[in-house]
Amino acid sequence: MACMTHVQRVRTLYKTILRLHRGLPEGLQVLGNQYVRDEFRRHKTCTTHEASLFMNEWTDYAISLANQLGIKGKPNPIEYVGNNLDVHKLGDFRDEQVAQLYELLQASKGMNEENR
């Protein structure tokens, strides 16, 4: 079997993440899908180095989410989904990325209040 091209690997990862999001509660699924779409679109023209980092981080995310949701993609009773952000990684973020992270935090807090 021939090796996958970079574009095929990106597309496979993207589709895998969207499939995994089907196992999330509805509000998180919508928020997660929009964020994934925006991030993959934003990185279409990145450098080779950035693409490598991007693919590694999103692959780690997909693996982590798959482990949390279980083999069938359906959550065990979920009280908490996700992992804490490593403080050392936060220091590597550009200002633009910190702003995006803050916006995501605000959106997720708004969803939590709606679900109460």
PDB file of N, CA and C in Angstrom:
ATOM      1  N   MET A   1       0.844  -1.172   0.000  1.00  0.00           N
ATOM      2  CA  MET A   1       0.000   0.000   0.000  1.00  0.00           C
ATOM      3  C   MET A   1       0.889   1.234   0.000  1.00  0.00           C
ATOM      4  N   ALA A   2       0.570   2.200  -0.817  1.00  0.00           N
ATOM      5  CA  ALA A   2       1.362   3.415  -0.921  1.00  0.00           C
ATOM      6  C   ALA A   2       1.173   4.290   0.317  1.00  0.00           C
ATOM      7  N   CYS A   3       2.195   5.063   0.628  1.00  0.00           N
ATOM      8  CA  CYS A   3       2.113   5.980   1.769  1.00  0.00           C
ATOM      9  C   CYS A   3       1.114   7.093   1.467  1.00  0.00           C
ATOM     10  N   MET A   4       0.487   7.572   2.505  1.00  0.00           N
ATOM     11  CA  MET A   4      -0.461   8.662   2.344  1.00  0.00           C
ATOM     12  C   MET A   4       0.289   9.970   2.137  1.00  0.00           C
ATOM     13  N   THR A   5      -0.257  10.843   1.325  1.00  0.00           N
ATOM     14  CA  THR A   5       0.334  12.168   1.149  1.00  0.00           C
ATOM     15  C   THR A   5      -0.011  13.013   2.372  1.00  0.00           C
ATOM     16  N   HIS A   6       0.646  14.137   2.476  1.00  0.00           N
ATOM     17  CA  HIS A   6       0.373  15.042   3.599  1.00  0.00           C
ATOM     18  C   HIS A   6      -1.102  15.457   3.603  1.00  0.00           C
ATOM     19  N   VAL A   7      -1.620  15.799   2.462  1.00  0.00           N
ATOM     20  CA  VAL A   7      -3.022  16.226   2.357  1.00  0.00           C
ATOM     21  C   VAL A   7      -3.958  15.109   2.813  1.00  0.00           C
ATOM     22  N   GLN A   8      -3.666  13.888   2.449  1.00  0.00           N
ATOM     23  CA  GLN A   8      -4.501  12.753   2.867  1.00  0.00           C
ATOM     24  C   GLN A   8      -4.436  12.554   4.382  1.00  0.00           C
ATOM     25  N   ARG A   9      -3.250  12.726   4.961  1.00  0.00           N
ATOM     26  CA  ARG A   9      -3.112  12.589   6.425  1.00  0.00           C
ATOM     27  C   ARG A   9      -3.899  13.674   7.147  1.00  0.00           C
ATOM     28  N   VAL A  10      -3.815  14.901   6.629  1.00  0.00           N
ATOM     29  CA  VAL A  10      -4.558  16.009   7.239  1.00  0.00           C
ATOM     30  C   VAL A  10      -6.053  15.742   7.159  1.00  0.00           C
ATOM     31  N   ARG A  11      -6.525  15.341   5.995  1.00  0.00           N
ATOM     32  CA  ARG A  11      -7.956  15.071   5.803  1.00  0.00           C
ATOM     33  C   ARG A  11      -8.432  13.934   6.708  1.00  0.00           C
ATOM     34  N   THR A  12      -7.631  12.892   6.838  1.00  0.00           N
ATOM     35  CA  THR A  12      -7.988  11.758   7.690  1.00  0.00           C
ATOM     36  C   THR A  12      -8.079  12.191   9.148  1.00  0.00           C
ATOM     37  N   LEU A  13      -7.116  12.973   9.608  1.00  0.00           N
ATOM     38  CA  LEU A  13      -7.130  13.458  10.981  1.00  0.00           C
ATOM     39  C   LEU A  13      -8.353  14.343  11.217  1.00  0.00           C
ATOM     40  N   TYR A  14      -8.618  15.235  10.296  1.00  0.00           N
ATOM     41  CA  TYR A  14      -9.764  16.153  10.391  1.00  0.00           C
ATOM     42  C   TYR A  14     -11.073  15.367  10.519  1.00  0.00           C
ATOM     43  N   LYS A  15     -11.272  14.395   9.653  1.00  0.00           N
ATOM     44  CA  LYS A  15     -12.496  13.592   9.682  1.00  0.00           C
ATOM     45  C   LYS A  15     -12.583  12.748  10.947  1.00  0.00           C
ATOM     46  N   THR A  16     -11.448  12.245  11.405  1.00  0.00           N
ATOM     47  CA  THR A  16     -11.422  11.454  12.639  1.00  0.00           C
ATOM     48  C   THR A  16     -11.865  12.299  13.828  1.00  0.00           C
ATOM     49  N   ILE A  17     -11.363  13.516  13.901  1.00  0.00           N
ATOM     50  CA  ILE A  17     -11.731  14.401  15.008  1.00  0.00           C
ATOM     51  C   ILE A  17     -13.228  14.713  14.960  1.00  0.00           C
ATOM     52  N   LEU A  18     -13.750  15.024  13.778  1.00  0.00           N
ATOM     53  CA  LEU A  18     -15.181  15.315  13.676  1.00  0.00           C
ATOM     54  C   LEU A  18     -16.015  14.096  14.067  1.00  0.00           C
ATOM     55  N   ARG A  19     -15.558  12.906  13.706  1.00  0.00           N
ATOM     56  CA  ARG A  19     -16.276  11.679  14.109  1.00  0.00           C
ATOM     57  C   ARG A  19     -16.250  11.512  15.627  1.00  0.00           C
ATOM     58  N   LEU A  20     -15.097  11.760  16.221  1.00  0.00           N
ATOM     59  CA  LEU A  20     -14.981  11.655  17.676  1.00  0.00           C
ATOM     60  C   LEU A  20     -15.901  12.651  18.378  1.00  0.00           C
ATOM     61  N   HIS A  21     -16.043  13.827  17.803  1.00  0.00           N
ATOM     62  CA  HIS A  21     -16.899  14.845  18.406  1.00  0.00           C
ATOM     63  C   HIS A  21     -18.365  14.404  18.474  1.00  0.00           C
ATOM     64  N   ARG A  22     -18.745  13.428  17.671  1.00  0.00           N
ATOM     65  CA  ARG A  22     -20.126  12.925  17.730  1.00  0.00           C
ATOM     66  C   ARG A  22     -20.445  12.335  19.105  1.00  0.00           C
ATOM     67  N   GLY A  23     -19.424  11.919  19.829  1.00  0.00           N
ATOM     68  CA  GLY A  23     -19.620  11.344  21.154  1.00  0.00           C
ATOM     69  C   GLY A  23     -19.718  12.382  22.262  1.00  0.00           C
ATOM     70  N   LEU A  24     -19.510  13.655  21.927  1.00  0.00           N
ATOM     71  CA  LEU A  24     -19.575  14.722  22.919  1.00  0.00           C
ATOM     72  C   LEU A  24     -21.008  15.182  23.127  1.00  0.00           C
ATOM     73  N   PRO A  25     -21.291  15.795  24.277  1.00  0.00           N
ATOM     74  CA  PRO A  25     -22.602  16.425  24.442  1.00  0.00           C
ATOM     75  C   PRO A  25     -22.811  17.453  23.325  1.00  0.00           C
ATOM     76  N   GLU A  26     -24.062  17.678  22.950  1.00  0.00           N
ATOM     77  CA  GLU A  26     -24.380  18.487  21.767  1.00  0.00           C
ATOM     78  C   GLU A  26     -23.696  19.856  21.744  1.00  0.00           C
ATOM     79  N   GLY A  27     -23.743  20.577  22.841  1.00  0.00           N
ATOM     80  CA  GLY A  27     -23.131  21.905  22.867  1.00  0.00           C
ATOM     81  C   GLY A  27     -21.636  21.861  22.651  1.00  0.00           C
ATOM     82  N   LEU A  28     -20.973  20.911  23.267  1.00  0.00           N
ATOM     83  CA  LEU A  28     -19.527  20.767  23.073  1.00  0.00           C
ATOM     84  C   LEU A  28     -19.212  20.320  21.658  1.00  0.00           C
ATOM     85  N   GLN A  29     -20.072  19.497  21.093  1.00  0.00           N
ATOM     86  CA  GLN A  29     -19.855  19.030  19.724  1.00  0.00           C
ATOM     87  C   GLN A  29     -19.874  20.210  18.750  1.00  0.00           C
ATOM     88  N   VAL A  30     -20.849  21.078  18.883  1.00  0.00           N
ATOM     89  CA  VAL A  30     -20.959  22.240  17.993  1.00  0.00           C
ATOM     90  C   VAL A  30     -19.753  23.151  18.159  1.00  0.00           C
ATOM     91  N   LEU A  31     -19.410  23.458  19.407  1.00  0.00           N
ATOM     92  CA  LEU A  31     -18.263  24.317  19.682  1.00  0.00           C
ATOM     93  C   LEU A  31     -16.968  23.688  19.165  1.00  0.00           C
ATOM     94  N   GLY A  32     -16.778  22.395  19.439  1.00  0.00           N
ATOM     95  CA  GLY A  32     -15.572  21.698  19.001  1.00  0.00           C
ATOM     96  C   GLY A  32     -15.449  21.625  17.492  1.00  0.00           C
ATOM     97  N   ASN A  33     -16.543  21.323  16.813  1.00  0.00           N
ATOM     98  CA  ASN A  33     -16.510  21.231  15.347  1.00  0.00           C
ATOM     99  C   ASN A  33     -16.142  22.564  14.716  1.00  0.00           C
ATOM    100  N   GLN A  34     -16.728  23.655  15.233  1.00  0.00           N
ATOM    101  CA  GLN A  34     -16.426  24.970  14.671  1.00  0.00           C
ATOM    102  C   GLN A  34     -14.966  25.331  14.901  1.00  0.00           C
ATOM    103  N   TYR A  35     -14.461  25.018  16.092  1.00  0.00           N
ATOM    104  CA  TYR A  35     -13.068  25.317  16.406  1.00  0.00           C
ATOM    105  C   TYR A  35     -12.120  24.524  15.505  1.00  0.00           C
ATOM    106  N   VAL A  36     -12.416  23.239  15.314  1.00  0.00           N
ATOM    107  CA  VAL A  36     -11.576  22.396  14.447  1.00  0.00           C
ATOM    108  C   VAL A  36     -11.582  22.933  13.019  1.00  0.00           C
ATOM    109  N   ARG A  37     -12.760  23.258  12.513  1.00  0.00           N
ATOM    110  CA  ARG A  37     -12.844  23.805  11.143  1.00  0.00           C
ATOM    111  C   ARG A  37     -12.000  25.065  11.010  1.00  0.00           C
ATOM    112  N   ASP A  38     -12.146  25.972  11.972  1.00  0.00           N
ATOM    113  CA  ASP A  38     -11.393  27.227  11.915  1.00  0.00           C
ATOM    114  C   ASP A  38      -9.891  26.994  11.975  1.00  0.00           C
ATOM    115  N   GLU A  39      -9.454  26.122  12.865  1.00  0.00           N
ATOM    116  CA  GLU A  39      -8.022  25.857  13.017  1.00  0.00           C
ATOM    117  C   GLU A  39      -7.428  25.192  11.772  1.00  0.00           C
ATOM    118  N   PHE A  40      -8.119  24.218  11.221  1.00  0.00           N
ATOM    119  CA  PHE A  40      -7.588  23.548  10.031  1.00  0.00           C
ATOM    120  C   PHE A  40      -7.560  24.525   8.858  1.00  0.00           C
ATOM    121  N   ARG A  41      -8.570  25.368   8.747  1.00  0.00           N
ATOM    122  CA  ARG A  41      -8.593  26.375   7.686  1.00  0.00           C
ATOM    123  C   ARG A  41      -7.445  27.374   7.878  1.00  0.00           C
ATOM    124  N   ARG A  42      -7.236  27.795   9.111  1.00  0.00           N
ATOM    125  CA  ARG A  42      -6.205  28.780   9.437  1.00  0.00           C
ATOM    126  C   ARG A  42      -4.804  28.265   9.112  1.00  0.00           C
ATOM    127  N   HIS A  43      -4.607  26.973   9.156  1.00  0.00           N
ATOM    128  CA  HIS A  43      -3.272  26.397   8.965  1.00  0.00           C
ATOM    129  C   HIS A  43      -3.035  25.844   7.559  1.00  0.00           C
ATOM    130  N   LYS A  44      -3.905  26.168   6.627  1.00  0.00           N
ATOM    131  CA  LYS A  44      -3.722  25.670   5.253  1.00  0.00           C
ATOM    132  C   LYS A  44      -2.421  26.151   4.625  1.00  0.00           C
ATOM    133  N   THR A  45      -1.976  27.323   4.992  1.00  0.00           N
ATOM    134  CA  THR A  45      -0.784  27.902   4.356  1.00  0.00           C
ATOM    135  C   THR A  45       0.385  28.041   5.328  1.00  0.00           C
ATOM    136  N   CYS A  46       0.439  27.196   6.337  1.00  0.00           N
ATOM    137  CA  CYS A  46       1.519  27.306   7.321  1.00  0.00           C
ATOM    138  C   CYS A  46       2.816  26.699   6.780  1.00  0.00           C
ATOM    139  N   THR A  47       3.893  26.961   7.505  1.00  0.00           N
ATOM    140  CA  THR A  47       5.198  26.416   7.119  1.00  0.00           C
ATOM    141  C   THR A  47       5.247  24.916   7.422  1.00  0.00           C
ATOM    142  N   THR A  48       6.232  24.257   6.914  1.00  0.00           N
ATOM    143  CA  THR A  48       6.404  22.824   7.148  1.00  0.00           C
ATOM    144  C   THR A  48       6.577  22.529   8.636  1.00  0.00           C
ATOM    145  N   HIS A  49       7.363  23.347   9.297  1.00  0.00           N
ATOM    146  CA  HIS A  49       7.586  23.167  10.741  1.00  0.00           C
ATOM    147  C   HIS A  49       6.272  23.343  11.502  1.00  0.00           C
ATOM    148  N   GLU A  50       5.536  24.397  11.192  1.00  0.00           N
ATOM    149  CA  GLU A  50       4.246  24.630  11.856  1.00  0.00           C
ATOM    150  C   GLU A  50       3.279  23.488  11.577  1.00  0.00           C
ATOM    151  N   ALA A  51       3.294  22.973  10.345  1.00  0.00           N
ATOM    152  CA  ALA A  51       2.408  21.864   9.984  1.00  0.00           C
ATOM    153  C   ALA A  51       2.725  20.622  10.802  1.00  0.00           C
ATOM    154  N   SER A  52       3.990  20.383  11.026  1.00  0.00           N
ATOM    155  CA  SER A  52       4.397  19.225  11.825  1.00  0.00           C
ATOM    156  C   SER A  52       3.900  19.364  13.263  1.00  0.00           C
ATOM    157  N   LEU A  53       4.101  20.528  13.854  1.00  0.00           N
ATOM    158  CA  LEU A  53       3.618  20.776  15.216  1.00  0.00           C
ATOM    159  C   LEU A  53       2.093  20.662  15.287  1.00  0.00           C
ATOM    160  N   PHE A  54       1.433  21.244  14.309  1.00  0.00           N
ATOM    161  CA  PHE A  54      -0.027  21.236  14.233  1.00  0.00           C
ATOM    162  C   PHE A  54      -0.550  19.798  14.184  1.00  0.00           C
ATOM    163  N   MET A  55       0.019  19.003  13.317  1.00  0.00           N
ATOM    164  CA  MET A  55      -0.436  17.616  13.170  1.00  0.00           C
ATOM    165  C   MET A  55      -0.173  16.816  14.447  1.00  0.00           C
ATOM    166  N   ASN A  56       0.970  17.022  15.069  1.00  0.00           N
ATOM    167  CA  ASN A  56       1.277  16.313  16.314  1.00  0.00           C
ATOM    168  C   ASN A  56       0.292  16.670  17.417  1.00  0.00           C
ATOM    169  N   GLU A  57       0.007  17.959  17.580  1.00  0.00           N
ATOM    170  CA  GLU A  57      -0.907  18.392  18.641  1.00  0.00           C
ATOM    171  C   GLU A  57      -2.324  17.883  18.401  1.00  0.00           C
ATOM    172  N   TRP A  58      -2.807  17.952  17.172  1.00  0.00           N
ATOM    173  CA  TRP A  58      -4.172  17.496  16.883  1.00  0.00           C
ATOM    174  C   TRP A  58      -4.265  15.970  16.946  1.00  0.00           C
ATOM    175  N   THR A  59      -3.190  15.279  16.612  1.00  0.00           N
ATOM    176  CA  THR A  59      -3.183  13.814  16.758  1.00  0.00           C
ATOM    177  C   THR A  59      -3.252  13.442  18.231  1.00  0.00           C
ATOM    178  N   ASP A  60      -2.483  14.148  19.062  1.00  0.00           N
ATOM    179  CA  ASP A  60      -2.548  13.908  20.510  1.00  0.00           C
ATOM    180  C   ASP A  60      -3.949  14.173  21.043  1.00  0.00           C
ATOM    181  N   TYR A  61      -4.574  15.235  20.551  1.00  0.00           N
ATOM    182  CA  TYR A  61      -5.949  15.552  20.962  1.00  0.00           C
ATOM    183  C   TYR A  61      -6.894  14.415  20.592  1.00  0.00           C
ATOM    184  N   ALA A  62      -6.796  13.927  19.361  1.00  0.00           N
ATOM    185  CA  ALA A  62      -7.679  12.851  18.893  1.00  0.00           C
ATOM    186  C   ALA A  62      -7.491  11.590  19.740  1.00  0.00           C
ATOM    187  N   ILE A  63      -6.256  11.258  20.046  1.00  0.00           N
ATOM    188  CA  ILE A  63      -5.982  10.071  20.869  1.00  0.00           C
ATOM    189  C   ILE A  63      -6.554  10.257  22.269  1.00  0.00           C
ATOM    190  N   SER A  64      -6.334  11.417  22.843  1.00  0.00           N
ATOM    191  CA  SER A  64      -6.841  11.705  24.184  1.00  0.00           C
ATOM    192  C   SER A  64      -8.368  11.637  24.220  1.00  0.00           C
ATOM    193  N   LEU A  65      -9.011  12.230  23.236  1.00  0.00           N
ATOM    194  CA  LEU A  65     -10.472  12.222  23.181  1.00  0.00           C
ATOM    195  C   LEU A  65     -11.010  10.812  22.983  1.00  0.00           C
ATOM    196  N   ALA A  66     -10.354  10.044  22.129  1.00  0.00           N
ATOM    197  CA  ALA A  66     -10.775   8.653  21.903  1.00  0.00           C
ATOM    198  C   ALA A  66     -10.670   7.853  23.198  1.00  0.00           C
ATOM    199  N   ASN A  67      -9.621   8.075  23.962  1.00  0.00           N
ATOM    200  CA  ASN A  67      -9.456   7.376  25.243  1.00  0.00           C
ATOM    201  C   ASN A  67     -10.533   7.785  26.243  1.00  0.00           C
ATOM    202  N   GLN A  68     -10.910   9.053  26.233  1.00  0.00           N
ATOM    203  CA  GLN A  68     -11.910   9.534  27.177  1.00  0.00           C
ATOM    204  C   GLN A  68     -13.322   9.076  26.813  1.00  0.00           C
ATOM    205  N   LEU A  69     -13.608   9.013  25.521  1.00  0.00           N
ATOM    206  CA  LEU A  69     -14.957   8.654  25.088  1.00  0.00           C
ATOM    207  C   LEU A  69     -15.182   7.154  25.054  1.00  0.00           C
ATOM    208  N   GLY A  70     -14.135   6.392  25.010  1.00  0.00           N
ATOM    209  CA  GLY A  70     -14.287   4.947  24.943  1.00  0.00           C
ATOM    210  C   GLY A  70     -14.266   4.461  23.508  1.00  0.00           C
ATOM    211  N   ILE A  71     -14.261   3.169  23.351  1.00  0.00           N
ATOM    212  CA  ILE A  71     -14.049   2.552  22.041  1.00  0.00           C
ATOM    213  C   ILE A  71     -15.165   2.844  21.046  1.00  0.00           C
ATOM    214  N   LYS A  72     -16.399   2.979  21.500  1.00  0.00           N
ATOM    215  CA  LYS A  72     -17.504   3.196  20.578  1.00  0.00           C
ATOM    216  C   LYS A  72     -17.775   4.670  20.319  1.00  0.00           C
ATOM    217  N   GLY A  73     -16.994   5.539  20.908  1.00  0.00           N
ATOM    218  CA  GLY A  73     -17.186   6.958  20.671  1.00  0.00           C
ATOM    219  C   GLY A  73     -18.339   7.535  21.468  1.00  0.00           C
ATOM    220  N   LYS A  74     -18.886   6.756  22.356  1.00  0.00           N
ATOM    221  CA  LYS A  74     -19.957   7.257  23.211  1.00  0.00           C
ATOM    222  C   LYS A  74     -19.402   7.445  24.602  1.00  0.00           C
ATOM    223  N   PRO A  75     -19.696   8.579  25.210  1.00  0.00           N
ATOM    224  CA  PRO A  75     -19.099   8.863  26.505  1.00  0.00           C
ATOM    225  C   PRO A  75     -19.638   7.985  27.618  1.00  0.00           C
ATOM    226  N   ASN A  76     -18.727   7.670  28.514  1.00  0.00           N
ATOM    227  CA  ASN A  76     -19.144   7.109  29.786  1.00  0.00           C
ATOM    228  C   ASN A  76     -19.816   8.294  30.472  1.00  0.00           C
ATOM    229  N   PRO A  77     -20.459   8.089  31.612  1.00  0.00           N
ATOM    230  CA  PRO A  77     -21.073   9.275  32.233  1.00  0.00           C
ATOM    231  C   PRO A  77     -20.032  10.393  32.322  1.00  0.00           C
ATOM    232  N   ILE A  78     -20.279  11.476  31.608  1.00  0.00           N
ATOM    233  CA  ILE A  78     -19.291  12.546  31.504  1.00  0.00           C
ATOM    234  C   ILE A  78     -19.603  13.654  32.496  1.00  0.00           C
ATOM    235  N   GLU A  79     -18.635  13.946  33.303  1.00  0.00           N
ATOM    236  CA  GLU A  79     -18.698  15.139  34.126  1.00  0.00           C
ATOM    237  C   GLU A  79     -17.623  16.099  33.626  1.00  0.00           C
ATOM    238  N   TYR A  80     -16.585  15.542  33.029  1.00  0.00           N
ATOM    239  CA  TYR A  80     -15.452  16.348  32.612  1.00  0.00           C
ATOM    240  C   TYR A  80     -14.827  15.712  31.381  1.00  0.00           C
ATOM    241  N   VAL A  81     -14.631  16.510  30.348  1.00  0.00           N
ATOM    242  CA  VAL A  81     -13.948  16.047  29.146  1.00  0.00           C
ATOM    243  C   VAL A  81     -12.775  16.978  28.916  1.00  0.00           C
ATOM    244  N   GLY A  82     -11.637  16.409  28.611  1.00  0.00           N
ATOM    245  CA  GLY A  82     -10.486  17.233  28.280  1.00  0.00           C
ATOM    246  C   GLY A  82      -9.336  17.023  29.236  1.00  0.00           C
ATOM    247  N   ASN A  83      -8.280  17.765  28.991  1.00  0.00           N
ATOM    248  CA  ASN A  83      -7.080  17.734  29.821  1.00  0.00           C
ATOM    249  C   ASN A  83      -6.697  19.158  30.158  1.00  0.00           C
ATOM    250  N   ASN A  84      -6.013  19.323  31.266  1.00  0.00           N
ATOM    251  CA  ASN A  84      -5.505  20.639  31.629  1.00  0.00           C
ATOM    252  C   ASN A  84      -4.362  21.018  30.702  1.00  0.00           C
ATOM    253  N   LEU A  85      -4.259  22.297  30.421  1.00  0.00           N
ATOM    254  CA  LEU A  85      -3.192  22.817  29.571  1.00  0.00           C
ATOM    255  C   LEU A  85      -1.909  22.906  30.370  1.00  0.00           C
ATOM    256  N   ASP A  86      -0.836  22.363  29.825  1.00  0.00           N
ATOM    257  CA  ASP A  86       0.473  22.429  30.458  1.00  0.00           C
ATOM    258  C   ASP A  86       0.948  23.883  30.463  1.00  0.00           C
ATOM    259  N   VAL A  87       1.265  24.393  31.633  1.00  0.00           N
ATOM    260  CA  VAL A  87       1.686  25.788  31.792  1.00  0.00           C
ATOM    261  C   VAL A  87       2.914  26.092  30.932  1.00  0.00           C
ATOM    262  N   HIS A  88       3.798  25.130  30.766  1.00  0.00           N
ATOM    263  CA  HIS A  88       5.002  25.342  29.961  1.00  0.00           C
ATOM    264  C   HIS A  88       4.640  25.547  28.491  1.00  0.00           C
ATOM    265  N   LYS A  89       3.609  24.866  28.015  1.00  0.00           N
ATOM    266  CA  LYS A  89       3.187  25.045  26.630  1.00  0.00           C
ATOM    267  C   LYS A  89       2.570  26.424  26.420  1.00  0.00           C
ATOM    268  N   LEU A  90       1.882  26.925  27.429  1.00  0.00           N
ATOM    269  CA  LEU A  90       1.254  28.232  27.319  1.00  0.00           C
ATOM    270  C   LEU A  90       2.291  29.315  27.040  1.00  0.00           C
ATOM    271  N   GLY A  91       3.481  29.163  27.580  1.00  0.00           N
ATOM    272  CA  GLY A  91       4.557  30.118  27.333  1.00  0.00           C
ATOM    273  C   GLY A  91       5.025  30.138  25.887  1.00  0.00           C
ATOM    274  N   ASP A  92       4.753  29.067  25.137  1.00  0.00           N
ATOM    275  CA  ASP A  92       5.152  28.990  23.736  1.00  0.00           C
ATOM    276  C   ASP A  92       4.118  29.603  22.799  1.00  0.00           C
ATOM    277  N   PHE A  93       2.942  29.937  23.322  1.00  0.00           N
ATOM    278  CA  PHE A  93       1.866  30.474  22.484  1.00  0.00           C
ATOM    279  C   PHE A  93       2.167  31.908  22.052  1.00  0.00           C
ATOM    280  N   ARG A  94       1.749  32.237  20.834  1.00  0.00           N
ATOM    281  CA  ARG A  94       1.797  33.621  20.369  1.00  0.00           C
ATOM    282  C   ARG A  94       0.609  34.359  20.980  1.00  0.00           C
ATOM    283  N   ASP A  95       0.660  35.686  20.987  1.00  0.00           N
ATOM    284  CA  ASP A  95      -0.427  36.490  21.550  1.00  0.00           C
ATOM    285  C   ASP A  95      -1.766  36.149  20.901  1.00  0.00           C
ATOM    286  N   GLU A  96      -1.741  35.938  19.607  1.00  0.00           N
ATOM    287  CA  GLU A  96      -2.951  35.586  18.859  1.00  0.00           C
ATOM    288  C   GLU A  96      -3.543  34.263  19.367  1.00  0.00           C
ATOM    289  N   GLN A  97      -2.686  33.310  19.684  1.00  0.00           N
ATOM    290  CA  GLN A  97      -3.145  32.011  20.177  1.00  0.00           C
ATOM    291  C   GLN A  97      -3.717  32.124  21.588  1.00  0.00           C
ATOM    292  N   VAL A  98      -3.114  32.962  22.420  1.00  0.00           N
ATOM    293  CA  VAL A  98      -3.630  33.174  23.771  1.00  0.00           C
ATOM    294  C   VAL A  98      -5.022  33.803  23.689  1.00  0.00           C
ATOM    295  N   ALA A  99      -5.195  34.755  22.767  1.00  0.00           N
ATOM    296  CA  ALA A  99      -6.506  35.388  22.582  1.00  0.00           C
ATOM    297  C   ALA A  99      -7.540  34.360  22.127  1.00  0.00           C
ATOM    298  N   GLN A 100      -7.159  33.470  21.212  1.00  0.00           N
ATOM    299  CA  GLN A 100      -8.073  32.410  20.746  1.00  0.00           C
ATOM    300  C   GLN A 100      -8.460  31.493  21.902  1.00  0.00           C
ATOM    301  N   LEU A 101      -7.495  31.148  22.713  1.00  0.00           N
ATOM    302  CA  LEU A 101      -7.743  30.276  23.851  1.00  0.00           C
ATOM    303  C   LEU A 101      -8.724  30.938  24.826  1.00  0.00           C
ATOM    304  N   TYR A 102      -8.544  32.231  25.044  1.00  0.00           N
ATOM    305  CA  TYR A 102      -9.444  32.964  25.935  1.00  0.00           C
ATOM    306  C   TYR A 102     -10.866  32.988  25.371  1.00  0.00           C
ATOM    307  N   GLU A 103     -10.993  33.210  24.068  1.00  0.00           N
ATOM    308  CA  GLU A 103     -12.315  33.201  23.425  1.00  0.00           C
ATOM    309  C   GLU A 103     -12.977  31.830  23.564  1.00  0.00           C
ATOM    310  N   LEU A 104     -12.209  30.788  23.415  1.00  0.00           N
ATOM    311  CA  LEU A 104     -12.734  29.433  23.568  1.00  0.00           C
ATOM    312  C   LEU A 104     -13.189  29.199  25.013  1.00  0.00           C
ATOM    313  N   LEU A 105     -12.410  29.686  25.962  1.00  0.00           N
ATOM    314  CA  LEU A 105     -12.782  29.578  27.374  1.00  0.00           C
ATOM    315  C   LEU A 105     -14.111  30.284  27.631  1.00  0.00           C
ATOM    316  N   GLN A 106     -14.263  31.503  27.104  1.00  0.00           N
ATOM    317  CA  GLN A 106     -15.494  32.252  27.300  1.00  0.00           C
ATOM    318  C   GLN A 106     -16.691  31.535  26.671  1.00  0.00           C
ATOM    319  N   ALA A 107     -16.505  30.974  25.487  1.00  0.00           N
ATOM    320  CA  ALA A 107     -17.589  30.243  24.818  1.00  0.00           C
ATOM    321  C   ALA A 107     -17.982  29.013  25.617  1.00  0.00           C
ATOM    322  N   SER A 108     -17.011  28.309  26.153  1.00  0.00           N
ATOM    323  CA  SER A 108     -17.329  27.093  26.912  1.00  0.00           C
ATOM    324  C   SER A 108     -17.994  27.438  28.243  1.00  0.00           C
ATOM    325  N   LYS A 109     -17.609  28.539  28.864  1.00  0.00           N
ATOM    326  CA  LYS A 109     -18.261  28.968  30.109  1.00  0.00           C
ATOM    327  C   LYS A 109     -19.708  29.341  29.846  1.00  0.00           C
ATOM    328  N   GLY A 110     -19.961  29.986  28.722  1.00  0.00           N
ATOM    329  CA  GLY A 110     -21.333  30.347  28.359  1.00  0.00           C
ATOM    330  C   GLY A 110     -22.198  29.121  28.173  1.00  0.00           C
ATOM    331  N   MET A 111     -21.619  28.068  27.605  1.00  0.00           N
ATOM    332  CA  MET A 111     -22.367  26.812  27.417  1.00  0.00           C
ATOM    333  C   MET A 111     -22.674  26.179  28.760  1.00  0.00           C
ATOM    334  N   ASN A 112     -21.718  26.201  29.694  1.00  0.00           N
ATOM    335  CA  ASN A 112     -21.935  25.620  31.013  1.00  0.00           C
ATOM    336  C   ASN A 112     -23.094  26.289  31.739  1.00  0.00           C
ATOM    337  N   GLU A 113     -23.180  27.604  31.627  1.00  0.00           N
ATOM    338  CA  GLU A 113     -24.256  28.332  32.287  1.00  0.00           C
ATOM    339  C   GLU A 113     -25.612  28.041  31.639  1.00  0.00           C
ATOM    340  N   GLU A 114     -25.631  27.847  30.325  1.00  0.00           N
ATOM    341  CA  GLU A 114     -26.871  27.513  29.621  1.00  0.00           C
ATOM    342  C   GLU A 114     -27.387  26.140  30.019  1.00  0.00           C
ATOM    343  N   ASN A 115     -26.476  25.214  30.305  1.00  0.00           N
ATOM    344  CA  ASN A 115     -26.863  23.834  30.626  1.00  0.00           C
ATOM    345  C   ASN A 115     -27.299  23.662  32.071  1.00  0.00           C
ATOM    346  N   ARG A 116     -27.198  24.683  32.873  1.00  0.00           N
ATOM    347  CA  ARG A 116     -27.579  24.549  34.294  1.00  0.00           C
ATOM    348  C   ARG A 116     -29.046  24.695  34.481  1.00  0.00           C
TER     349      ARG A 116
END
